[in-house]
Amino acid sequence: MNKDQLIEAIIAKSGSSKKEGADALDAMVAAVTGALKKNDKVAIAGFGVFSVSKRAARSGVNPKTGAKIQIPAMKVPKFKAGKALKEAVR
């Protein structure tokens, strides 16, 4: 499912216009992104938790040249599915 298909699903369920559905999706994505930028967690009951995880620096290999490279430490987004979502997918 891509973004347009998700917007169509939103407007089919809510009965709103396509613009309102797109605005709602954009607002949700912006809110989650903003919270993660501040290292906050976003918990949606029954769906899951978005959080930020710290990944340590490590060594790697450039697959093209075979040269060893150093990969820096970074923060990455993480999602843990909630119980209701796990049950729905089974």
PDB file of N, CA and C in Angstrom:
ATOM      1  N   MET A   1       0.853  -1.170   0.000  1.00  0.00           N
ATOM      2  CA  MET A   1       0.000   0.000   0.000  1.00  0.00           C
ATOM      3  C   MET A   1       0.900   1.234   0.000  1.00  0.00           C
ATOM      4  N   ASN A   2       0.652   2.138  -0.938  1.00  0.00           N
ATOM      5  CA  ASN A   2       1.428   3.376  -0.975  1.00  0.00           C
ATOM      6  C   ASN A   2       0.625   4.511  -0.342  1.00  0.00           C
ATOM      7  N   LYS A   3       1.178   5.715  -0.368  1.00  0.00           N
ATOM      8  CA  LYS A   3       0.550   6.855   0.308  1.00  0.00           C
ATOM      9  C   LYS A   3      -0.833   7.162  -0.271  1.00  0.00           C
ATOM     10  N   ASP A   4      -0.971   7.156  -1.586  1.00  0.00           N
ATOM     11  CA  ASP A   4      -2.274   7.451  -2.195  1.00  0.00           C
ATOM     12  C   ASP A   4      -3.322   6.410  -1.808  1.00  0.00           C
ATOM     13  N   GLN A   5      -2.925   5.149  -1.769  1.00  0.00           N
ATOM     14  CA  GLN A   5      -3.859   4.102  -1.369  1.00  0.00           C
ATOM     15  C   GLN A   5      -4.246   4.239   0.101  1.00  0.00           C
ATOM     16  N   LEU A   6      -3.308   4.664   0.930  1.00  0.00           N
ATOM     17  CA  LEU A   6      -3.606   4.880   2.339  1.00  0.00           C
ATOM     18  C   LEU A   6      -4.575   6.044   2.507  1.00  0.00           C
ATOM     19  N   ILE A   7      -4.390   7.108   1.752  1.00  0.00           N
ATOM     20  CA  ILE A   7      -5.315   8.249   1.796  1.00  0.00           C
ATOM     21  C   ILE A   7      -6.708   7.806   1.365  1.00  0.00           C
ATOM     22  N   GLU A   8      -6.794   7.000   0.314  1.00  0.00           N
ATOM     23  CA  GLU A   8      -8.099   6.486  -0.141  1.00  0.00           C
ATOM     24  C   GLU A   8      -8.767   5.656   0.950  1.00  0.00           C
ATOM     25  N   ALA A   9      -8.001   4.848   1.665  1.00  0.00           N
ATOM     26  CA  ALA A   9      -8.559   4.044   2.756  1.00  0.00           C
ATOM     27  C   ALA A   9      -9.064   4.938   3.886  1.00  0.00           C
ATOM     28  N   ILE A  10      -8.329   6.010   4.170  1.00  0.00           N
ATOM     29  CA  ILE A  10      -8.734   6.950   5.222  1.00  0.00           C
ATOM     30  C   ILE A  10     -10.046   7.624   4.861  1.00  0.00           C
ATOM     31  N   ILE A  11     -10.157   8.117   3.616  1.00  0.00           N
ATOM     32  CA  ILE A  11     -11.386   8.837   3.245  1.00  0.00           C
ATOM     33  C   ILE A  11     -12.570   7.877   3.105  1.00  0.00           C
ATOM     34  N   ALA A  12     -12.319   6.623   2.740  1.00  0.00           N
ATOM     35  CA  ALA A  12     -13.410   5.649   2.665  1.00  0.00           C
ATOM     36  C   ALA A  12     -13.964   5.351   4.057  1.00  0.00           C
ATOM     37  N   LYS A  13     -13.075   5.302   5.039  1.00  0.00           N
ATOM     38  CA  LYS A  13     -13.488   4.986   6.411  1.00  0.00           C
ATOM     39  C   LYS A  13     -14.124   6.192   7.109  1.00  0.00           C
ATOM     40  N   SER A  14     -13.593   7.399   6.833  1.00  0.00           N
ATOM     41  CA  SER A  14     -14.055   8.580   7.560  1.00  0.00           C
ATOM     42  C   SER A  14     -15.123   9.379   6.816  1.00  0.00           C
ATOM     43  N   GLY A  15     -15.236   9.163   5.506  1.00  0.00           N
ATOM     44  CA  GLY A  15     -16.224   9.916   4.741  1.00  0.00           C
ATOM     45  C   GLY A  15     -15.812  11.352   4.479  1.00  0.00           C
ATOM     46  N   SER A  16     -14.540  11.663   4.636  1.00  0.00           N
ATOM     47  CA  SER A  16     -14.059  13.027   4.407  1.00  0.00           C
ATOM     48  C   SER A  16     -13.605  13.177   2.960  1.00  0.00           C
ATOM     49  N   SER A  17     -13.204  14.392   2.613  1.00  0.00           N
ATOM     50  CA  SER A  17     -12.717  14.647   1.257  1.00  0.00           C
ATOM     51  C   SER A  17     -11.284  14.148   1.115  1.00  0.00           C
ATOM     52  N   LYS A  18     -10.824  14.070  -0.132  1.00  0.00           N
ATOM     53  CA  LYS A  18      -9.459  13.605  -0.385  1.00  0.00           C
ATOM     54  C   LYS A  18      -8.453  14.560   0.233  1.00  0.00           C
ATOM     55  N   LYS A  19      -8.703  15.871   0.174  1.00  0.00           N
ATOM     56  CA  LYS A  19      -7.791  16.859   0.762  1.00  0.00           C
ATOM     57  C   LYS A  19      -7.728  16.699   2.268  1.00  0.00           C
ATOM     58  N   GLU A  20      -8.877  16.502   2.914  1.00  0.00           N
ATOM     59  CA  GLU A  20      -8.898  16.315   4.364  1.00  0.00           C
ATOM     60  C   GLU A  20      -8.171  15.026   4.762  1.00  0.00           C
ATOM     61  N   GLY A  21      -8.339  13.974   3.988  1.00  0.00           N
ATOM     62  CA  GLY A  21      -7.643  12.722   4.266  1.00  0.00           C
ATOM     63  C   GLY A  21      -6.141  12.874   4.123  1.00  0.00           C
ATOM     64  N   ALA A  22      -5.714  13.573   3.069  1.00  0.00           N
ATOM     65  CA  ALA A  22      -4.283  13.811   2.850  1.00  0.00           C
ATOM     66  C   ALA A  22      -3.715  14.692   3.953  1.00  0.00           C
ATOM     67  N   ASP A  23      -4.469  15.722   4.349  1.00  0.00           N
ATOM     68  CA  ASP A  23      -4.013  16.601   5.432  1.00  0.00           C
ATOM     69  C   ASP A  23      -3.888  15.843   6.746  1.00  0.00           C
ATOM     70  N   ALA A  24      -4.835  14.947   7.020  1.00  0.00           N
ATOM     71  CA  ALA A  24      -4.793  14.161   8.258  1.00  0.00           C
ATOM     72  C   ALA A  24      -3.564  13.248   8.279  1.00  0.00           C
ATOM     73  N   LEU A  25      -3.294  12.597   7.163  1.00  0.00           N
ATOM     74  CA  LEU A  25      -2.122  11.713   7.090  1.00  0.00           C
ATOM     75  C   LEU A  25      -0.832  12.517   7.222  1.00  0.00           C
ATOM     76  N   ASP A  26      -0.753  13.649   6.524  1.00  0.00           N
ATOM     77  CA  ASP A  26       0.445  14.495   6.608  1.00  0.00           C
ATOM     78  C   ASP A  26       0.664  15.015   8.025  1.00  0.00           C
ATOM     79  N   ALA A  27      -0.420  15.381   8.711  1.00  0.00           N
ATOM     80  CA  ALA A  27      -0.317  15.881  10.085  1.00  0.00           C
ATOM     81  C   ALA A  27       0.175  14.775  11.021  1.00  0.00           C
ATOM     82  N   MET A  28      -0.304  13.558  10.819  1.00  0.00           N
ATOM     83  CA  MET A  28       0.127  12.438  11.668  1.00  0.00           C
ATOM     84  C   MET A  28       1.602  12.140  11.453  1.00  0.00           C
ATOM     85  N   VAL A  29       2.039  12.112  10.201  1.00  0.00           N
ATOM     86  CA  VAL A  29       3.444  11.845   9.898  1.00  0.00           C
ATOM     87  C   VAL A  29       4.328  12.956  10.466  1.00  0.00           C
ATOM     88  N   ALA A  30       3.900  14.204  10.329  1.00  0.00           N
ATOM     89  CA  ALA A  30       4.669  15.334  10.859  1.00  0.00           C
ATOM     90  C   ALA A  30       4.758  15.279  12.384  1.00  0.00           C
ATOM     91  N   ALA A  31       3.666  14.904  13.040  1.00  0.00           N
ATOM     92  CA  ALA A  31       3.663  14.821  14.505  1.00  0.00           C
ATOM     93  C   ALA A  31       4.607  13.721  14.991  1.00  0.00           C
ATOM     94  N   VAL A  32       4.578  12.569  14.347  1.00  0.00           N
ATOM     95  CA  VAL A  32       5.462  11.469  14.737  1.00  0.00           C
ATOM     96  C   VAL A  32       6.922  11.856  14.479  1.00  0.00           C
ATOM     97  N   THR A  33       7.188  12.437  13.314  1.00  0.00           N
ATOM     98  CA  THR A  33       8.549  12.857  12.971  1.00  0.00           C
ATOM     99  C   THR A  33       9.067  13.896  13.964  1.00  0.00           C
ATOM    100  N   GLY A  34       8.249  14.876  14.305  1.00  0.00           N
ATOM    101  CA  GLY A  34       8.641  15.917  15.256  1.00  0.00           C
ATOM    102  C   GLY A  34       8.950  15.351  16.631  1.00  0.00           C
ATOM    103  N   ALA A  35       8.132  14.405  17.067  1.00  0.00           N
ATOM    104  CA  ALA A  35       8.368  13.790  18.378  1.00  0.00           C
ATOM    105  C   ALA A  35       9.663  12.983  18.371  1.00  0.00           C
ATOM    106  N   LEU A  36       9.917  12.243  17.303  1.00  0.00           N
ATOM    107  CA  LEU A  36      11.140  11.440  17.234  1.00  0.00           C
ATOM    108  C   LEU A  36      12.381  12.322  17.156  1.00  0.00           C
ATOM    109  N   LYS A  37      12.267  13.476  16.504  1.00  0.00           N
ATOM    110  CA  LYS A  37      13.401  14.411  16.457  1.00  0.00           C
ATOM    111  C   LYS A  37      13.781  14.882  17.855  1.00  0.00           C
ATOM    112  N   LYS A  38      12.787  14.942  18.767  1.00  0.00           N
ATOM    113  CA  LYS A  38      13.031  15.366  20.151  1.00  0.00           C
ATOM    114  C   LYS A  38      13.319  14.175  21.064  1.00  0.00           C
ATOM    115  N   ASN A  39      13.552  12.998  20.482  1.00  0.00           N
ATOM    116  CA  ASN A  39      13.813  11.762  21.225  1.00  0.00           C
ATOM    117  C   ASN A  39      12.638  11.321  22.085  1.00  0.00           C
ATOM    118  N   ASP A  40      11.433  11.728  21.736  1.00  0.00           N
ATOM    119  CA  ASP A  40      10.233  11.282  22.442  1.00  0.00           C
ATOM    120  C   ASP A  40       9.744   9.978  21.825  1.00  0.00           C
ATOM    121  N   LYS A  41       8.940   9.244  22.582  1.00  0.00           N
ATOM    122  CA  LYS A  41       8.267   8.058  22.069  1.00  0.00           C
ATOM    123  C   LYS A  41       6.857   8.439  21.663  1.00  0.00           C
ATOM    124  N   VAL A  42       6.324   7.767  20.655  1.00  0.00           N
ATOM    125  CA  VAL A  42       4.933   7.950  20.247  1.00  0.00           C
ATOM    126  C   VAL A  42       4.260   6.590  20.379  1.00  0.00           C
ATOM    127  N   ALA A  43       3.354   6.478  21.343  1.00  0.00           N
ATOM    128  CA  ALA A  43       2.654   5.221  21.596  1.00  0.00           C
ATOM    129  C   ALA A  43       1.207   5.353  21.155  1.00  0.00           C
ATOM    130  N   ILE A  44       0.775   4.472  20.272  1.00  0.00           N
ATOM    131  CA  ILE A  44      -0.606   4.433  19.808  1.00  0.00           C
ATOM    132  C   ILE A  44      -1.178   3.110  20.301  1.00  0.00           C
ATOM    133  N   ALA A  45      -2.089   3.195  21.256  1.00  0.00           N
ATOM    134  CA  ALA A  45      -2.637   2.001  21.899  1.00  0.00           C
ATOM    135  C   ALA A  45      -3.203   1.044  20.859  1.00  0.00           C
ATOM    136  N   GLY A  46      -2.803  -0.211  20.954  1.00  0.00           N
ATOM    137  CA  GLY A  46      -3.278  -1.231  20.049  1.00  0.00           C
ATOM    138  C   GLY A  46      -2.526  -1.292  18.730  1.00  0.00           C
ATOM    139  N   PHE A  47      -1.772  -0.254  18.406  1.00  0.00           N
ATOM    140  CA  PHE A  47      -1.037  -0.218  17.141  1.00  0.00           C
ATOM    141  C   PHE A  47       0.448  -0.466  17.352  1.00  0.00           C
ATOM    142  N   GLY A  48       1.075   0.374  18.198  1.00  0.00           N
ATOM    143  CA  GLY A  48       2.490   0.174  18.459  1.00  0.00           C
ATOM    144  C   GLY A  48       3.167   1.416  18.982  1.00  0.00           C
ATOM    145  N   VAL A  49       4.487   1.343  19.091  1.00  0.00           N
ATOM    146  CA  VAL A  49       5.290   2.430  19.645  1.00  0.00           C
ATOM    147  C   VAL A  49       6.404   2.789  18.675  1.00  0.00           C
ATOM    148  N   PHE A  50       6.472   4.071  18.325  1.00  0.00           N
ATOM    149  CA  PHE A  50       7.583   4.602  17.545  1.00  0.00           C
ATOM    150  C   PHE A  50       8.583   5.179  18.537  1.00  0.00           C
ATOM    151  N   SER A  51       9.877   4.888  18.353  1.00  0.00           N
ATOM    152  CA  SER A  51      10.899   5.414  19.245  1.00  0.00           C
ATOM    153  C   SER A  51      12.194   5.613  18.470  1.00  0.00           C
ATOM    154  N   VAL A  52      13.188   6.158  19.165  1.00  0.00           N
ATOM    155  CA  VAL A  52      14.504   6.378  18.576  1.00  0.00           C
ATOM    156  C   VAL A  52      15.484   5.445  19.266  1.00  0.00           C
ATOM    157  N   SER A  53      16.290   4.769  18.486  1.00  0.00           N
ATOM    158  CA  SER A  53      17.286   3.848  19.007  1.00  0.00           C
ATOM    159  C   SER A  53      18.667   4.359  18.619  1.00  0.00           C
ATOM    160  N   LYS A  54      19.641   4.160  19.503  1.00  0.00           N
ATOM    161  CA  LYS A  54      21.014   4.569  19.209  1.00  0.00           C
ATOM    162  C   LYS A  54      21.775   3.368  18.676  1.00  0.00           C
ATOM    163  N   ARG A  55      22.421   3.556  17.538  1.00  0.00           N
ATOM    164  CA  ARG A  55      23.226   2.497  16.937  1.00  0.00           C
ATOM    165  C   ARG A  55      24.690   2.866  17.118  1.00  0.00           C
ATOM    166  N   ALA A  56      25.470   1.965  17.672  1.00  0.00           N
ATOM    167  CA  ALA A  56      26.886   2.217  17.960  1.00  0.00           C
ATOM    168  C   ALA A  56      27.700   2.264  16.665  1.00  0.00           C
ATOM    169  N   ALA A  57      28.847   2.923  16.749  1.00  0.00           N
ATOM    170  CA  ALA A  57      29.779   2.945  15.623  1.00  0.00           C
ATOM    171  C   ALA A  57      30.311   1.528  15.405  1.00  0.00           C
ATOM    172  N   ARG A  58      30.576   1.205  14.155  1.00  0.00           N
ATOM    173  CA  ARG A  58      31.051  -0.142  13.860  1.00  0.00           C
ATOM    174  C   ARG A  58      31.874  -0.140  12.576  1.00  0.00           C
ATOM    175  N   SER A  59      32.575  -1.225  12.360  1.00  0.00           N
ATOM    176  CA  SER A  59      33.358  -1.393  11.134  1.00  0.00           C
ATOM    177  C   SER A  59      32.503  -2.090  10.096  1.00  0.00           C
ATOM    178  N   GLY A  60      32.741  -1.753   8.844  1.00  0.00           N
ATOM    179  CA  GLY A  60      32.013  -2.384   7.751  1.00  0.00           C
ATOM    180  C   GLY A  60      32.933  -2.580   6.569  1.00  0.00           C
ATOM    181  N   VAL A  61      32.385  -3.152   5.516  1.00  0.00           N
ATOM    182  CA  VAL A  61      33.151  -3.394   4.297  1.00  0.00           C
ATOM    183  C   VAL A  61      32.382  -2.808   3.126  1.00  0.00           C
ATOM    184  N   ASN A  62      33.076  -2.016   2.315  1.00  0.00           N
ATOM    185  CA  ASN A  62      32.483  -1.499   1.089  1.00  0.00           C
ATOM    186  C   ASN A  62      32.331  -2.676   0.125  1.00  0.00           C
ATOM    187  N   PRO A  63      31.091  -3.038  -0.247  1.00  0.00           N
ATOM    188  CA  PRO A  63      30.908  -4.218  -1.084  1.00  0.00           C
ATOM    189  C   PRO A  63      31.503  -4.069  -2.490  1.00  0.00           C
ATOM    190  N   LYS A  64      31.629  -2.852  -2.943  1.00  0.00           N
ATOM    191  CA  LYS A  64      32.162  -2.611  -4.286  1.00  0.00           C
ATOM    192  C   LYS A  64      33.676  -2.804  -4.345  1.00  0.00           C
ATOM    193  N   THR A  65      34.377  -2.265  -3.339  1.00  0.00           N
ATOM    194  CA  THR A  65      35.841  -2.298  -3.366  1.00  0.00           C
ATOM    195  C   THR A  65      36.440  -3.304  -2.382  1.00  0.00           C
ATOM    196  N   GLY A  66      35.672  -3.720  -1.404  1.00  0.00           N
ATOM    197  CA  GLY A  66      36.187  -4.624  -0.385  1.00  0.00           C
ATOM    198  C   GLY A  66      36.983  -3.912   0.698  1.00  0.00           C
ATOM    199  N   ALA A  67      37.062  -2.572   0.601  1.00  0.00           N
ATOM    200  CA  ALA A  67      37.816  -1.792   1.581  1.00  0.00           C
ATOM    201  C   ALA A  67      37.045  -1.711   2.897  1.00  0.00           C
ATOM    202  N   LYS A  68      37.779  -1.736   4.014  1.00  0.00           N
ATOM    203  CA  LYS A  68      37.149  -1.587   5.325  1.00  0.00           C
ATOM    204  C   LYS A  68      36.821  -0.113   5.538  1.00  0.00           C
ATOM    205  N   ILE A  69      35.641   0.139   6.093  1.00  0.00           N
ATOM    206  CA  ILE A  69      35.213   1.504   6.386  1.00  0.00           C
ATOM    207  C   ILE A  69      34.687   1.555   7.813  1.00  0.00           C
ATOM    208  N   GLN A  70      34.703   2.745   8.381  1.00  0.00           N
ATOM    209  CA  GLN A  70      34.160   2.960   9.720  1.00  0.00           C
ATOM    210  C   GLN A  70      32.779   3.588   9.573  1.00  0.00           C
ATOM    211  N   ILE A  71      31.760   2.939  10.106  1.00  0.00           N
ATOM    212  CA  ILE A  71      30.398   3.447  10.067  1.00  0.00           C
ATOM    213  C   ILE A  71      30.158   4.194  11.375  1.00  0.00           C
ATOM    214  N   PRO A  72      29.791   5.487  11.310  1.00  0.00           N
ATOM    215  CA  PRO A  72      29.646   6.276  12.539  1.00  0.00           C
ATOM    216  C   PRO A  72      28.407   5.886  13.350  1.00  0.00           C
ATOM    217  N   ALA A  73      28.412   6.256  14.619  1.00  0.00           N
ATOM    218  CA  ALA A  73      27.243   6.058  15.478  1.00  0.00           C
ATOM    219  C   ALA A  73      26.125   6.956  14.978  1.00  0.00           C
ATOM    220  N   MET A  74      24.897   6.498  15.122  1.00  0.00           N
ATOM    221  CA  MET A  74      23.759   7.300  14.674  1.00  0.00           C
ATOM    222  C   MET A  74      22.498   6.908  15.421  1.00  0.00           C
ATOM    223  N   LYS A  75      21.504   7.770  15.317  1.00  0.00           N
ATOM    224  CA  LYS A  75      20.191   7.483  15.876  1.00  0.00           C
ATOM    225  C   LYS A  75      19.294   7.029  14.720  1.00  0.00           C
ATOM    226  N   VAL A  76      18.499   5.999  14.956  1.00  0.00           N
ATOM    227  CA  VAL A  76      17.611   5.470  13.930  1.00  0.00           C
ATOM    228  C   VAL A  76      16.197   5.308  14.495  1.00  0.00           C
ATOM    229  N   PRO A  77      15.166   5.512  13.652  1.00  0.00           N
ATOM    230  CA  PRO A  77      13.800   5.292  14.114  1.00  0.00           C
ATOM    231  C   PRO A  77      13.525   3.803  14.261  1.00  0.00           C
ATOM    232  N   LYS A  78      12.651   3.480  15.216  1.00  0.00           N
ATOM    233  CA  LYS A  78      12.329   2.086  15.510  1.00  0.00           C
ATOM    234  C   LYS A  78      10.821   1.995  15.739  1.00  0.00           C
ATOM    235  N   PHE A  79      10.225   0.885  15.354  1.00  0.00           N
ATOM    236  CA  PHE A  79       8.800   0.658  15.579  1.00  0.00           C
ATOM    237  C   PHE A  79       8.614  -0.713  16.206  1.00  0.00           C
ATOM    238  N   LYS A  80       7.836  -0.757  17.285  1.00  0.00           N
ATOM    239  CA  LYS A  80       7.493  -2.024  17.918  1.00  0.00           C
ATOM    240  C   LYS A  80       5.982  -2.178  17.844  1.00  0.00           C
ATOM    241  N   ALA A  81       5.533  -3.217  17.169  1.00  0.00           N
ATOM    242  CA  ALA A  81       4.109  -3.437  16.983  1.00  0.00           C
ATOM    243  C   ALA A  81       3.427  -3.767  18.296  1.00  0.00           C
ATOM    244  N   GLY A  82       2.211  -3.259  18.460  1.00  0.00           N
ATOM    245  CA  GLY A  82       1.416  -3.526  19.651  1.00  0.00           C
ATOM    246  C   GLY A  82       0.698  -4.872  19.555  1.00  0.00           C
ATOM    247  N   LYS A  83       0.138  -5.303  20.661  1.00  0.00           N
ATOM    248  CA  LYS A  83      -0.497  -6.613  20.746  1.00  0.00           C
ATOM    249  C   LYS A  83      -1.653  -6.751  19.747  1.00  0.00           C
ATOM    250  N   ALA A  84      -2.513  -5.731  19.651  1.00  0.00           N
ATOM    251  CA  ALA A  84      -3.673  -5.805  18.757  1.00  0.00           C
ATOM    252  C   ALA A  84      -3.227  -5.907  17.296  1.00  0.00           C
ATOM    253  N   LEU A  85      -2.190  -5.192  16.912  1.00  0.00           N
ATOM    254  CA  LEU A  85      -1.679  -5.269  15.541  1.00  0.00           C
ATOM    255  C   LEU A  85      -1.089  -6.639  15.260  1.00  0.00           C
ATOM    256  N   LYS A  86      -0.341  -7.190  16.211  1.00  0.00           N
ATOM    257  CA  LYS A  86       0.221  -8.530  16.048  1.00  0.00           C
ATOM    258  C   LYS A  86      -0.877  -9.567  15.889  1.00  0.00           C
ATOM    259  N   GLU A  87      -1.929  -9.450  16.701  1.00  0.00           N
ATOM    260  CA  GLU A  87      -3.046 -10.386  16.614  1.00  0.00           C
ATOM    261  C   GLU A  87      -3.778 -10.272  15.282  1.00  0.00           C
ATOM    262  N   ALA A  88      -3.932  -9.067  14.766  1.00  0.00           N
ATOM    263  CA  ALA A  88      -4.637  -8.850  13.515  1.00  0.00           C
ATOM    264  C   ALA A  88      -3.883  -9.433  12.320  1.00  0.00           C
ATOM    265  N   VAL A  89      -2.570  -9.456  12.408  1.00  0.00           N
ATOM    266  CA  VAL A  89      -1.756  -9.927  11.299  1.00  0.00           C
ATOM    267  C   VAL A  89      -1.651 -11.453  11.260  1.00  0.00           C
ATOM    268  N   ARG A  90      -1.807 -12.087  12.383  1.00  0.00           N
ATOM    269  CA  ARG A  90      -1.669 -13.561  12.450  1.00  0.00           C
ATOM    270  C   ARG A  90      -2.590 -14.273  11.522  1.00  0.00           C
TER     271      ARG A  90
END
